[in-house]
Amino acid sequence: MKTLMLGAALMFAGGAAGAQELTLQLKWVTQAQFAGYYVAKDKGFYEEEGLDVTILPGGPDIAPTQVLAGGGADVIVEWMPAALAAREKGLPLVNIAQPFKASGMMLTCLKESGISDPKTDFKGKTLGVWFSGNEYPFLSWMSQLGLSTEGGPDGVTVLKQGFNVDPLLQKQAACISTMTYNEYGQVLDAGIAPDDLVTFKYEDQGVATLEDGLYVLESTLEDSAKVTDLVKFVRASMKGWKYAEENPEEAAQIVLDNDETGAQTLDHQVRMVTEIGKLTAGSNGVLDEADYQRTVDTLMAGGSDPVISAAPEGAFTHMITDRAFD
């Protein structure tokens, strides 16, 4: 009995000593947009790597970059436009992995608004746009189209859109911002048929920018122990993402189990996981430099008001993914 108790004590001590704590700050609330991380935690993938990962949900009043700058997280999920804009303003963010290969962002318009071609039909229209860093791809797109965002017959009127689809349903805007995996489904759920809508995916318009990537501060990469933890974290996270792609219903349920608000439904989360899987498909977490360059080019193509004014240096590293997947 003493031997068993001693062995158990040693195992507990070893486990406690070996589990490295790491905190991840999400970009938004608990939902299937982040299924890979919740799956990795639930299925024990982080634990297998010797990590004790805390996942912090985001929200409308939470800026991941500020949380990271304030020491409230080790890693954040952020869109590259917001990350590069913050880097240019002095916050040394570095992309260490890119689970999302494609963009899910699009404008969804009522067909009755008469919009069929962005180059000619956006003029004089009101468009719903998310802010808090999400506006950057839109502003770049409008600049490339030569459209002022100050309103008027030759420009567009920007409606600062909340994180809902009400402006379209109430016809306050001709088009609103939607994600393929979330708000577009909400529009359909509200009773509007797909045939009554026109959608413009940023990917199809050539202005897609990289979305949900993993970012840390430069100083974190100067600590060899933290780098080792990040290697383990990225490897386990990508295992979670691939599991979610292959098991959308189970992944959706895991997300629901972690949603303390009770605001999500299983059907919606299953649909979201399925659509998200189209964005993570083909990604092993390694940032594609061509995708990075396309994002930078798009953000700099803003004429007199670009999102970033100069090509970033040191804004990403393959150090983590090279070790995670060698």
C-alpha atoms as a PDB file:
ATOM      1  CA  MET A   1       0.000   0.000   0.000  1.00  0.00           C
ATOM      2  CA  LYS A   2       2.785   2.420   0.901  1.00  0.00           C
ATOM      3  CA  THR A   3       4.483   1.631  -2.404  1.00  0.00           C
ATOM      4  CA  LEU A   4       1.284   2.362  -4.350  1.00  0.00           C
ATOM      5  CA  MET A   5       0.711   5.601  -2.480  1.00  0.00           C
ATOM      6  CA  LEU A   6       4.297   6.682  -3.056  1.00  0.00           C
ATOM      7  CA  GLY A   7       4.024   5.860  -6.743  1.00  0.00           C
ATOM      8  CA  ALA A   8       0.815   7.825  -7.080  1.00  0.00           C
ATOM      9  CA  ALA A   9       2.362  10.771  -5.283  1.00  0.00           C
ATOM     10  CA  LEU A  10       5.356  10.718  -7.587  1.00  0.00           C
ATOM     11  CA  MET A  11       3.117  10.540 -10.646  1.00  0.00           C
ATOM     12  CA  PHE A  12       1.073  13.510  -9.404  1.00  0.00           C
ATOM     13  CA  ALA A  13       4.187  15.494  -8.631  1.00  0.00           C
ATOM     14  CA  GLY A  14       5.688  14.647 -11.984  1.00  0.00           C
ATOM     15  CA  GLY A  15       2.501  15.600 -13.822  1.00  0.00           C
ATOM     16  CA  ALA A  16       2.160  18.876 -11.964  1.00  0.00           C
ATOM     17  CA  ALA A  17       5.787  19.752 -12.500  1.00  0.00           C
ATOM     18  CA  GLY A  18       5.733  18.763 -16.170  1.00  0.00           C
ATOM     19  CA  ALA A  19       2.557  20.549 -17.236  1.00  0.00           C
ATOM     20  CA  GLN A  20       3.473  23.949 -18.585  1.00  0.00           C
ATOM     21  CA  GLU A  21       0.720  26.547 -18.334  1.00  0.00           C
ATOM     22  CA  LEU A  22      -0.167  28.464 -21.479  1.00  0.00           C
ATOM     23  CA  THR A  23      -3.023  30.908 -22.063  1.00  0.00           C
ATOM     24  CA  LEU A  24      -4.729  31.416 -25.421  1.00  0.00           C
ATOM     25  CA  GLN A  25      -6.895  34.490 -26.036  1.00  0.00           C
ATOM     26  CA  LEU A  26      -9.541  33.983 -28.709  1.00  0.00           C
ATOM     27  CA  LYS A  27     -10.655  36.674 -31.123  1.00  0.00           C
ATOM     28  CA  TRP A  28     -14.350  36.189 -30.400  1.00  0.00           C
ATOM     29  CA  VAL A  29     -16.838  34.345 -28.212  1.00  0.00           C
ATOM     30  CA  THR A  30     -16.848  30.589 -27.720  1.00  0.00           C
ATOM     31  CA  GLN A  31     -17.993  29.133 -31.033  1.00  0.00           C
ATOM     32  CA  ALA A  32     -16.870  26.657 -33.676  1.00  0.00           C
ATOM     33  CA  GLN A  33     -14.623  29.288 -35.250  1.00  0.00           C
ATOM     34  CA  PHE A  34     -12.187  28.073 -32.582  1.00  0.00           C
ATOM     35  CA  ALA A  35     -13.184  24.414 -32.564  1.00  0.00           C
ATOM     36  CA  GLY A  36      -9.643  23.137 -33.086  1.00  0.00           C
ATOM     37  CA  TYR A  37      -8.435  24.571 -29.789  1.00  0.00           C
ATOM     38  CA  TYR A  38     -11.374  23.291 -27.779  1.00  0.00           C
ATOM     39  CA  VAL A  39     -11.033  19.872 -29.398  1.00  0.00           C
ATOM     40  CA  ALA A  40      -7.299  19.781 -28.631  1.00  0.00           C
ATOM     41  CA  LYS A  41      -8.045  20.514 -24.996  1.00  0.00           C
ATOM     42  CA  ASP A  42     -11.016  18.146 -24.703  1.00  0.00           C
ATOM     43  CA  LYS A  43      -9.332  15.207 -26.454  1.00  0.00           C
ATOM     44  CA  GLY A  44      -6.189  15.556 -24.361  1.00  0.00           C
ATOM     45  CA  PHE A  45      -3.897  16.625 -27.215  1.00  0.00           C
ATOM     46  CA  TYR A  46      -2.458  19.486 -25.142  1.00  0.00           C
ATOM     47  CA  GLU A  47      -2.081  17.238 -22.121  1.00  0.00           C
ATOM     48  CA  GLU A  48      -0.191  14.702 -24.239  1.00  0.00           C
ATOM     49  CA  GLU A  49       2.284  17.476 -25.033  1.00  0.00           C
ATOM     50  CA  GLY A  50       2.690  18.326 -21.350  1.00  0.00           C
ATOM     51  CA  LEU A  51       0.673  21.532 -21.579  1.00  0.00           C
ATOM     52  CA  ASP A  52      -2.037  22.962 -19.358  1.00  0.00           C
ATOM     53  CA  VAL A  53      -3.853  25.316 -21.743  1.00  0.00           C
ATOM     54  CA  THR A  54      -6.378  27.923 -20.652  1.00  0.00           C
ATOM     55  CA  ILE A  55      -8.660  29.188 -23.418  1.00  0.00           C
ATOM     56  CA  LEU A  56     -10.084  32.675 -22.901  1.00  0.00           C
ATOM     57  CA  PRO A  57     -13.144  33.611 -24.975  1.00  0.00           C
ATOM     58  CA  GLY A  58     -13.249  37.019 -26.584  1.00  0.00           C
ATOM     59  CA  GLY A  59     -16.089  39.423 -27.147  1.00  0.00           C
ATOM     60  CA  PRO A  60     -17.010  42.877 -28.443  1.00  0.00           C
ATOM     61  CA  ASP A  61     -15.112  44.603 -25.645  1.00  0.00           C
ATOM     62  CA  ILE A  62     -11.999  42.412 -25.801  1.00  0.00           C
ATOM     63  CA  ALA A  63      -9.100  43.263 -28.119  1.00  0.00           C
ATOM     64  CA  PRO A  64      -6.728  40.273 -28.294  1.00  0.00           C
ATOM     65  CA  THR A  65      -3.754  42.497 -29.130  1.00  0.00           C
ATOM     66  CA  GLN A  66      -4.328  44.537 -25.982  1.00  0.00           C
ATOM     67  CA  VAL A  67      -4.681  41.397 -23.868  1.00  0.00           C
ATOM     68  CA  LEU A  68      -1.358  40.133 -25.231  1.00  0.00           C
ATOM     69  CA  ALA A  69       0.345  43.488 -24.710  1.00  0.00           C
ATOM     70  CA  GLY A  70      -0.899  43.557 -21.130  1.00  0.00           C
ATOM     71  CA  GLY A  71       0.437  40.096 -20.326  1.00  0.00           C
ATOM     72  CA  GLY A  72      -3.015  38.499 -20.097  1.00  0.00           C
ATOM     73  CA  ALA A  73      -2.216  35.782 -22.633  1.00  0.00           C
ATOM     74  CA  ASP A  74       0.751  33.984 -24.175  1.00  0.00           C
ATOM     75  CA  VAL A  75      -0.824  33.513 -27.607  1.00  0.00           C
ATOM     76  CA  ILE A  76      -3.750  35.159 -29.373  1.00  0.00           C
ATOM     77  CA  VAL A  77      -5.956  34.380 -32.337  1.00  0.00           C
ATOM     78  CA  GLU A  78      -6.096  37.442 -34.590  1.00  0.00           C
ATOM     79  CA  TRP A  79      -6.649  38.445 -38.194  1.00  0.00           C
ATOM     80  CA  MET A  80      -3.487  39.441 -40.003  1.00  0.00           C
ATOM     81  CA  PRO A  81      -4.705  42.931 -41.061  1.00  0.00           C
ATOM     82  CA  ALA A  82      -5.282  43.895 -37.422  1.00  0.00           C
ATOM     83  CA  ALA A  83      -2.016  42.260 -36.370  1.00  0.00           C
ATOM     84  CA  LEU A  84       0.054  44.057 -39.009  1.00  0.00           C
ATOM     85  CA  ALA A  85      -1.651  47.374 -38.266  1.00  0.00           C
ATOM     86  CA  ALA A  86      -0.861  46.924 -34.567  1.00  0.00           C
ATOM     87  CA  ARG A  87       2.731  45.985 -35.406  1.00  0.00           C
ATOM     88  CA  GLU A  88       3.195  49.142 -37.451  1.00  0.00           C
ATOM     89  CA  LYS A  89       1.901  51.133 -34.484  1.00  0.00           C
ATOM     90  CA  GLY A  90       4.564  49.628 -32.243  1.00  0.00           C
ATOM     91  CA  LEU A  91       3.243  46.349 -30.831  1.00  0.00           C
ATOM     92  CA  PRO A  92       5.785  43.685 -31.913  1.00  0.00           C
ATOM     93  CA  LEU A  93       3.371  40.926 -32.926  1.00  0.00           C
ATOM     94  CA  VAL A  94       4.693  37.875 -34.753  1.00  0.00           C
ATOM     95  CA  ASN A  95       2.654  35.244 -36.591  1.00  0.00           C
ATOM     96  CA  ILE A  96       3.847  31.791 -35.501  1.00  0.00           C
ATOM     97  CA  ALA A  97       1.243  29.644 -37.293  1.00  0.00           C
ATOM     98  CA  GLN A  98      -1.662  30.007 -39.716  1.00  0.00           C
ATOM     99  CA  PRO A  99      -4.423  27.394 -39.253  1.00  0.00           C
ATOM    100  CA  PHE A 100      -6.812  29.246 -41.601  1.00  0.00           C
ATOM    101  CA  LYS A 101      -5.683  28.895 -45.205  1.00  0.00           C
ATOM    102  CA  ALA A 102      -8.602  30.761 -46.795  1.00  0.00           C
ATOM    103  CA  SER A 103     -10.755  33.753 -45.879  1.00  0.00           C
ATOM    104  CA  GLY A 104     -14.393  33.348 -44.895  1.00  0.00           C
ATOM    105  CA  MET A 105     -15.245  37.030 -45.180  1.00  0.00           C
ATOM    106  CA  MET A 106     -17.769  38.356 -47.661  1.00  0.00           C
ATOM    107  CA  LEU A 107     -20.381  41.016 -48.298  1.00  0.00           C
ATOM    108  CA  THR A 108     -23.921  39.696 -48.477  1.00  0.00           C
ATOM    109  CA  CYS A 109     -26.369  41.895 -50.384  1.00  0.00           C
ATOM    110  CA  LEU A 110     -30.087  41.888 -51.027  1.00  0.00           C
ATOM    111  CA  LYS A 111     -30.645  41.129 -54.704  1.00  0.00           C
ATOM    112  CA  GLU A 112     -33.378  43.758 -54.772  1.00  0.00           C
ATOM    113  CA  SER A 113     -30.713  46.414 -54.128  1.00  0.00           C
ATOM    114  CA  GLY A 114     -29.612  45.998 -57.736  1.00  0.00           C
ATOM    115  CA  ILE A 115     -26.011  45.144 -56.908  1.00  0.00           C
ATOM    116  CA  SER A 116     -24.382  42.627 -59.220  1.00  0.00           C
ATOM    117  CA  ASP A 117     -20.939  44.115 -59.906  1.00  0.00           C
ATOM    118  CA  PRO A 118     -18.859  45.764 -57.145  1.00  0.00           C
ATOM    119  CA  LYS A 119     -17.036  47.956 -59.670  1.00  0.00           C
ATOM    120  CA  THR A 120     -20.198  49.743 -60.729  1.00  0.00           C
ATOM    121  CA  ASP A 121     -23.024  48.965 -58.331  1.00  0.00           C
ATOM    122  CA  PHE A 122     -21.644  49.863 -54.888  1.00  0.00           C
ATOM    123  CA  LYS A 123     -21.751  53.589 -55.654  1.00  0.00           C
ATOM    124  CA  GLY A 124     -24.309  55.432 -53.566  1.00  0.00           C
ATOM    125  CA  LYS A 125     -25.082  52.359 -51.472  1.00  0.00           C
ATOM    126  CA  THR A 126     -24.907  51.813 -47.720  1.00  0.00           C
ATOM    127  CA  LEU A 127     -22.667  48.910 -46.705  1.00  0.00           C
ATOM    128  CA  GLY A 128     -22.463  47.350 -43.246  1.00  0.00           C
ATOM    129  CA  VAL A 129     -18.920  47.014 -41.960  1.00  0.00           C
ATOM    130  CA  TRP A 130     -17.464  45.525 -38.793  1.00  0.00           C
ATOM    131  CA  PHE A 131     -14.863  47.607 -37.016  1.00  0.00           C
ATOM    132  CA  SER A 132     -12.424  46.844 -34.154  1.00  0.00           C
ATOM    133  CA  GLY A 133      -9.809  45.766 -36.704  1.00  0.00           C
ATOM    134  CA  ASN A 134     -12.176  43.893 -39.002  1.00  0.00           C
ATOM    135  CA  GLU A 135     -12.665  46.927 -41.234  1.00  0.00           C
ATOM    136  CA  TYR A 136      -9.180  46.835 -42.747  1.00  0.00           C
ATOM    137  CA  PRO A 137      -9.855  44.348 -45.583  1.00  0.00           C
ATOM    138  CA  PHE A 138     -13.019  46.254 -46.503  1.00  0.00           C
ATOM    139  CA  LEU A 139     -11.259  49.612 -46.593  1.00  0.00           C
ATOM    140  CA  SER A 140      -8.525  48.176 -48.784  1.00  0.00           C
ATOM    141  CA  TRP A 141     -11.125  46.748 -51.161  1.00  0.00           C
ATOM    142  CA  MET A 142     -12.993  50.048 -51.464  1.00  0.00           C
ATOM    143  CA  SER A 143      -9.733  51.881 -52.083  1.00  0.00           C
ATOM    144  CA  GLN A 144      -8.828  49.478 -54.874  1.00  0.00           C
ATOM    145  CA  LEU A 145     -12.265  50.057 -56.394  1.00  0.00           C
ATOM    146  CA  GLY A 146     -11.654  53.797 -56.187  1.00  0.00           C
ATOM    147  CA  LEU A 147     -14.675  54.317 -53.936  1.00  0.00           C
ATOM    148  CA  SER A 148     -14.735  56.886 -51.168  1.00  0.00           C
ATOM    149  CA  THR A 149     -16.090  55.621 -47.841  1.00  0.00           C
ATOM    150  CA  GLU A 150     -17.358  59.085 -46.952  1.00  0.00           C
ATOM    151  CA  GLY A 151     -20.703  58.641 -48.705  1.00  0.00           C
ATOM    152  CA  GLY A 152     -22.117  60.598 -51.617  1.00  0.00           C
ATOM    153  CA  PRO A 153     -23.319  59.441 -55.038  1.00  0.00           C
ATOM    154  CA  ASP A 154     -19.841  58.346 -56.129  1.00  0.00           C
ATOM    155  CA  GLY A 155     -18.863  56.669 -52.882  1.00  0.00           C
ATOM    156  CA  VAL A 156     -20.284  54.300 -50.301  1.00  0.00           C
ATOM    157  CA  THR A 157     -21.849  55.080 -46.949  1.00  0.00           C
ATOM    158  CA  VAL A 158     -20.362  52.913 -44.224  1.00  0.00           C
ATOM    159  CA  LEU A 159     -22.748  51.669 -41.568  1.00  0.00           C
ATOM    160  CA  LYS A 160     -20.869  50.602 -38.463  1.00  0.00           C
ATOM    161  CA  GLN A 161     -22.326  47.154 -38.148  1.00  0.00           C
ATOM    162  CA  GLY A 162     -22.848  45.315 -34.893  1.00  0.00           C
ATOM    163  CA  PHE A 163     -22.091  41.620 -34.793  1.00  0.00           C
ATOM    164  CA  ASN A 164     -25.517  40.698 -36.113  1.00  0.00           C
ATOM    165  CA  VAL A 165     -27.403  40.762 -39.421  1.00  0.00           C
ATOM    166  CA  ASP A 166     -30.142  43.233 -38.439  1.00  0.00           C
ATOM    167  CA  PRO A 167     -29.106  45.998 -40.908  1.00  0.00           C
ATOM    168  CA  LEU A 168     -29.836  43.664 -43.835  1.00  0.00           C
ATOM    169  CA  LEU A 169     -33.053  42.282 -42.379  1.00  0.00           C
ATOM    170  CA  GLN A 170     -34.296  45.796 -41.623  1.00  0.00           C
ATOM    171  CA  LYS A 171     -33.018  47.088 -44.987  1.00  0.00           C
ATOM    172  CA  GLN A 172     -30.812  49.690 -43.353  1.00  0.00           C
ATOM    173  CA  ALA A 173     -27.996  48.596 -45.667  1.00  0.00           C
ATOM    174  CA  ALA A 174     -27.842  47.115 -49.149  1.00  0.00           C
ATOM    175  CA  CYS A 175     -25.050  44.783 -48.060  1.00  0.00           C
ATOM    176  CA  ILE A 176     -23.588  43.659 -44.760  1.00  0.00           C
ATOM    177  CA  SER A 177     -20.421  41.938 -43.646  1.00  0.00           C
ATOM    178  CA  THR A 178     -20.844  38.218 -43.117  1.00  0.00           C
ATOM    179  CA  MET A 179     -18.650  35.197 -42.608  1.00  0.00           C
ATOM    180  CA  THR A 180     -19.306  32.080 -44.659  1.00  0.00           C
ATOM    181  CA  TYR A 181     -19.451  30.073 -41.443  1.00  0.00           C
ATOM    182  CA  ASN A 182     -21.635  32.313 -39.301  1.00  0.00           C
ATOM    183  CA  GLU A 183     -23.641  35.394 -40.262  1.00  0.00           C
ATOM    184  CA  TYR A 184     -24.557  34.154 -43.746  1.00  0.00           C
ATOM    185  CA  GLY A 185     -26.329  31.257 -42.065  1.00  0.00           C
ATOM    186  CA  GLN A 186     -28.074  33.691 -39.732  1.00  0.00           C
ATOM    187  CA  VAL A 187     -29.462  35.551 -42.747  1.00  0.00           C
ATOM    188  CA  LEU A 188     -30.836  32.292 -44.133  1.00  0.00           C
ATOM    189  CA  ASP A 189     -32.232  31.353 -40.737  1.00  0.00           C
ATOM    190  CA  ALA A 190     -34.108  34.667 -40.700  1.00  0.00           C
ATOM    191  CA  GLY A 191     -36.094  33.500 -43.711  1.00  0.00           C
ATOM    192  CA  ILE A 192     -34.268  35.096 -46.642  1.00  0.00           C
ATOM    193  CA  ALA A 193     -33.730  32.624 -49.472  1.00  0.00           C
ATOM    194  CA  PRO A 194     -30.303  32.248 -51.088  1.00  0.00           C
ATOM    195  CA  ASP A 195     -31.856  33.272 -54.424  1.00  0.00           C
ATOM    196  CA  ASP A 196     -32.756  36.632 -52.896  1.00  0.00           C
ATOM    197  CA  LEU A 197     -29.138  37.310 -52.003  1.00  0.00           C
ATOM    198  CA  VAL A 198     -25.945  38.213 -53.841  1.00  0.00           C
ATOM    199  CA  THR A 199     -22.631  37.451 -52.154  1.00  0.00           C
ATOM    200  CA  PHE A 200     -19.135  38.720 -52.826  1.00  0.00           C
ATOM    201  CA  LYS A 201     -16.393  36.656 -51.232  1.00  0.00           C
ATOM    202  CA  TYR A 202     -13.182  38.544 -50.557  1.00  0.00           C
ATOM    203  CA  GLU A 203     -11.314  35.504 -51.905  1.00  0.00           C
ATOM    204  CA  ASP A 204     -13.090  35.855 -55.257  1.00  0.00           C
ATOM    205  CA  GLN A 205     -12.479  39.608 -55.396  1.00  0.00           C
ATOM    206  CA  GLY A 206      -8.712  39.184 -55.031  1.00  0.00           C
ATOM    207  CA  VAL A 207      -8.600  41.141 -51.768  1.00  0.00           C
ATOM    208  CA  ALA A 208      -8.699  38.296 -49.280  1.00  0.00           C
ATOM    209  CA  THR A 209      -6.427  38.711 -46.282  1.00  0.00           C
ATOM    210  CA  LEU A 210      -5.378  36.043 -43.825  1.00  0.00           C
ATOM    211  CA  GLU A 211      -7.693  35.547 -40.903  1.00  0.00           C
ATOM    212  CA  ASP A 212      -7.403  33.503 -37.710  1.00  0.00           C
ATOM    213  CA  GLY A 213      -3.652  33.127 -37.193  1.00  0.00           C
ATOM    214  CA  LEU A 214      -1.689  32.578 -33.991  1.00  0.00           C
ATOM    215  CA  TYR A 215       0.395  35.508 -32.720  1.00  0.00           C
ATOM    216  CA  VAL A 216       2.863  36.126 -29.905  1.00  0.00           C
ATOM    217  CA  LEU A 217       5.133  38.963 -28.883  1.00  0.00           C
ATOM    218  CA  GLU A 218       8.692  39.011 -30.218  1.00  0.00           C
ATOM    219  CA  SER A 219      10.021  38.767 -26.662  1.00  0.00           C
ATOM    220  CA  THR A 220       8.297  35.397 -26.238  1.00  0.00           C
ATOM    221  CA  LEU A 221      10.393  33.980 -29.071  1.00  0.00           C
ATOM    222  CA  GLU A 222      13.579  34.990 -27.266  1.00  0.00           C
ATOM    223  CA  ASP A 223      12.801  32.545 -24.438  1.00  0.00           C
ATOM    224  CA  SER A 224      13.832  29.014 -25.443  1.00  0.00           C
ATOM    225  CA  ALA A 225      11.522  27.374 -22.907  1.00  0.00           C
ATOM    226  CA  LYS A 226       8.534  29.337 -24.186  1.00  0.00           C
ATOM    227  CA  VAL A 227       9.462  28.492 -27.767  1.00  0.00           C
ATOM    228  CA  THR A 228       9.405  24.800 -26.865  1.00  0.00           C
ATOM    229  CA  ASP A 229       5.948  25.240 -25.310  1.00  0.00           C
ATOM    230  CA  LEU A 230       4.724  27.023 -28.437  1.00  0.00           C
ATOM    231  CA  VAL A 231       5.982  24.193 -30.632  1.00  0.00           C
ATOM    232  CA  LYS A 232       3.954  21.745 -28.551  1.00  0.00           C
ATOM    233  CA  PHE A 233       0.948  24.059 -28.535  1.00  0.00           C
ATOM    234  CA  VAL A 234       0.870  24.513 -32.312  1.00  0.00           C
ATOM    235  CA  ARG A 235       1.357  20.808 -32.954  1.00  0.00           C
ATOM    236  CA  ALA A 236      -1.505  19.863 -30.620  1.00  0.00           C
ATOM    237  CA  SER A 237      -3.731  22.657 -31.943  1.00  0.00           C
ATOM    238  CA  MET A 238      -3.361  21.528 -35.546  1.00  0.00           C
ATOM    239  CA  LYS A 239      -4.145  17.985 -34.441  1.00  0.00           C
ATOM    240  CA  GLY A 240      -7.309  19.427 -32.947  1.00  0.00           C
ATOM    241  CA  TRP A 241      -8.164  21.236 -36.166  1.00  0.00           C
ATOM    242  CA  LYS A 242      -7.745  18.134 -38.301  1.00  0.00           C
ATOM    243  CA  TYR A 243      -9.879  16.149 -35.852  1.00  0.00           C
ATOM    244  CA  ALA A 244     -12.573  18.828 -36.097  1.00  0.00           C
ATOM    245  CA  GLU A 245     -12.507  18.681 -39.898  1.00  0.00           C
ATOM    246  CA  GLU A 246     -13.095  14.926 -39.797  1.00  0.00           C
ATOM    247  CA  ASN A 247     -15.601  14.922 -36.925  1.00  0.00           C
ATOM    248  CA  PRO A 248     -17.725  18.075 -37.230  1.00  0.00           C
ATOM    249  CA  GLU A 249     -20.626  16.917 -35.070  1.00  0.00           C
ATOM    250  CA  GLU A 250     -18.382  15.809 -32.210  1.00  0.00           C
ATOM    251  CA  ALA A 251     -16.360  19.010 -32.482  1.00  0.00           C
ATOM    252  CA  ALA A 252     -19.545  21.096 -32.395  1.00  0.00           C
ATOM    253  CA  GLN A 253     -20.669  19.340 -29.228  1.00  0.00           C
ATOM    254  CA  ILE A 254     -17.287  19.970 -27.607  1.00  0.00           C
ATOM    255  CA  VAL A 255     -17.665  23.674 -28.398  1.00  0.00           C
ATOM    256  CA  LEU A 256     -21.150  23.675 -26.871  1.00  0.00           C
ATOM    257  CA  ASP A 257     -19.810  21.984 -23.742  1.00  0.00           C
ATOM    258  CA  ASN A 258     -17.391  24.899 -23.344  1.00  0.00           C
ATOM    259  CA  ASP A 259     -19.946  27.641 -23.990  1.00  0.00           C
ATOM    260  CA  GLU A 260     -20.877  28.970 -20.569  1.00  0.00           C
ATOM    261  CA  THR A 261     -23.345  31.470 -22.044  1.00  0.00           C
ATOM    262  CA  GLY A 262     -25.658  28.824 -23.456  1.00  0.00           C
ATOM    263  CA  ALA A 263     -26.161  31.079 -26.468  1.00  0.00           C
ATOM    264  CA  GLN A 264     -25.133  28.542 -29.113  1.00  0.00           C
ATOM    265  CA  THR A 265     -27.136  25.721 -30.669  1.00  0.00           C
ATOM    266  CA  LEU A 266     -25.852  22.393 -31.912  1.00  0.00           C
ATOM    267  CA  ASP A 267     -27.230  22.780 -35.446  1.00  0.00           C
ATOM    268  CA  HIS A 268     -25.598  26.170 -35.871  1.00  0.00           C
ATOM    269  CA  GLN A 269     -22.277  24.954 -34.502  1.00  0.00           C
ATOM    270  CA  VAL A 270     -22.270  21.860 -36.731  1.00  0.00           C
ATOM    271  CA  ARG A 271     -22.837  24.104 -39.750  1.00  0.00           C
ATOM    272  CA  MET A 272     -20.094  26.412 -38.553  1.00  0.00           C
ATOM    273  CA  VAL A 273     -17.575  23.601 -38.041  1.00  0.00           C
ATOM    274  CA  THR A 274     -18.375  22.274 -41.507  1.00  0.00           C
ATOM    275  CA  GLU A 275     -17.812  25.675 -43.138  1.00  0.00           C
ATOM    276  CA  ILE A 276     -14.697  26.347 -41.055  1.00  0.00           C
ATOM    277  CA  GLY A 277     -13.319  23.031 -42.280  1.00  0.00           C
ATOM    278  CA  LYS A 278     -13.276  24.488 -45.793  1.00  0.00           C
ATOM    279  CA  LEU A 279     -11.010  27.293 -44.557  1.00  0.00           C
ATOM    280  CA  THR A 280      -8.586  25.088 -42.603  1.00  0.00           C
ATOM    281  CA  ALA A 281      -8.496  22.381 -45.292  1.00  0.00           C
ATOM    282  CA  GLY A 282      -5.052  22.066 -46.795  1.00  0.00           C
ATOM    283  CA  SER A 283      -3.378  23.899 -43.931  1.00  0.00           C
ATOM    284  CA  ASN A 284      -0.877  22.184 -41.683  1.00  0.00           C
ATOM    285  CA  GLY A 285      -0.412  25.381 -39.704  1.00  0.00           C
ATOM    286  CA  VAL A 286       2.554  26.618 -41.739  1.00  0.00           C
ATOM    287  CA  LEU A 287       2.139  30.178 -43.003  1.00  0.00           C
ATOM    288  CA  ASP A 288       2.305  30.258 -46.810  1.00  0.00           C
ATOM    289  CA  GLU A 289       4.533  33.177 -47.758  1.00  0.00           C
ATOM    290  CA  ALA A 290       2.519  33.814 -50.923  1.00  0.00           C
ATOM    291  CA  ASP A 291      -0.636  34.210 -48.819  1.00  0.00           C
ATOM    292  CA  TYR A 292       1.256  36.518 -46.476  1.00  0.00           C
ATOM    293  CA  GLN A 293       2.507  38.650 -49.361  1.00  0.00           C
ATOM    294  CA  ARG A 294      -0.970  38.874 -50.867  1.00  0.00           C
ATOM    295  CA  THR A 295      -2.252  40.143 -47.524  1.00  0.00           C
ATOM    296  CA  VAL A 296       0.509  42.741 -47.280  1.00  0.00           C
ATOM    297  CA  ASP A 297      -0.026  43.880 -50.878  1.00  0.00           C
ATOM    298  CA  THR A 298      -3.768  44.226 -50.296  1.00  0.00           C
ATOM    299  CA  LEU A 299      -3.270  46.257 -47.127  1.00  0.00           C
ATOM    300  CA  MET A 300      -0.735  48.562 -48.782  1.00  0.00           C
ATOM    301  CA  ALA A 301      -2.927  49.135 -51.835  1.00  0.00           C
ATOM    302  CA  GLY A 302      -4.911  51.815 -50.092  1.00  0.00           C
ATOM    303  CA  GLY A 303      -3.818  54.790 -52.178  1.00  0.00           C
ATOM    304  CA  SER A 304      -3.443  57.811 -49.920  1.00  0.00           C
ATOM    305  CA  ASP A 305      -4.822  55.924 -46.919  1.00  0.00           C
ATOM    306  CA  PRO A 306      -3.324  52.406 -46.807  1.00  0.00           C
ATOM    307  CA  VAL A 307      -3.876  50.152 -43.799  1.00  0.00           C
ATOM    308  CA  ILE A 308      -0.111  49.817 -43.449  1.00  0.00           C
ATOM    309  CA  SER A 309       2.329  52.262 -44.972  1.00  0.00           C
ATOM    310  CA  ALA A 310       5.395  50.038 -45.348  1.00  0.00           C
ATOM    311  CA  ALA A 311       6.136  46.366 -45.867  1.00  0.00           C
ATOM    312  CA  PRO A 312       6.563  44.789 -42.409  1.00  0.00           C
ATOM    313  CA  GLU A 313       9.796  43.156 -41.355  1.00  0.00           C
ATOM    314  CA  GLY A 314       9.879  40.230 -38.950  1.00  0.00           C
ATOM    315  CA  ALA A 315       6.086  39.947 -38.834  1.00  0.00           C
ATOM    316  CA  PHE A 316       6.094  36.160 -39.100  1.00  0.00           C
ATOM    317  CA  THR A 317       8.358  33.229 -38.339  1.00  0.00           C
ATOM    318  CA  HIS A 318       8.475  29.588 -39.364  1.00  0.00           C
ATOM    319  CA  MET A 319      10.573  28.776 -36.308  1.00  0.00           C
ATOM    320  CA  ILE A 320       7.665  27.171 -34.459  1.00  0.00           C
ATOM    321  CA  THR A 321       6.059  25.217 -37.297  1.00  0.00           C
ATOM    322  CA  ASP A 322       9.446  24.010 -38.584  1.00  0.00           C
ATOM    323  CA  ARG A 323      10.037  22.346 -35.226  1.00  0.00           C
ATOM    324  CA  ALA A 324       6.442  21.245 -34.738  1.00  0.00           C
ATOM    325  CA  PHE A 325       6.201  19.382 -38.035  1.00  0.00           C
ATOM    326  CA  ASP A 326       9.797  18.419 -38.894  1.00  0.00           C
END
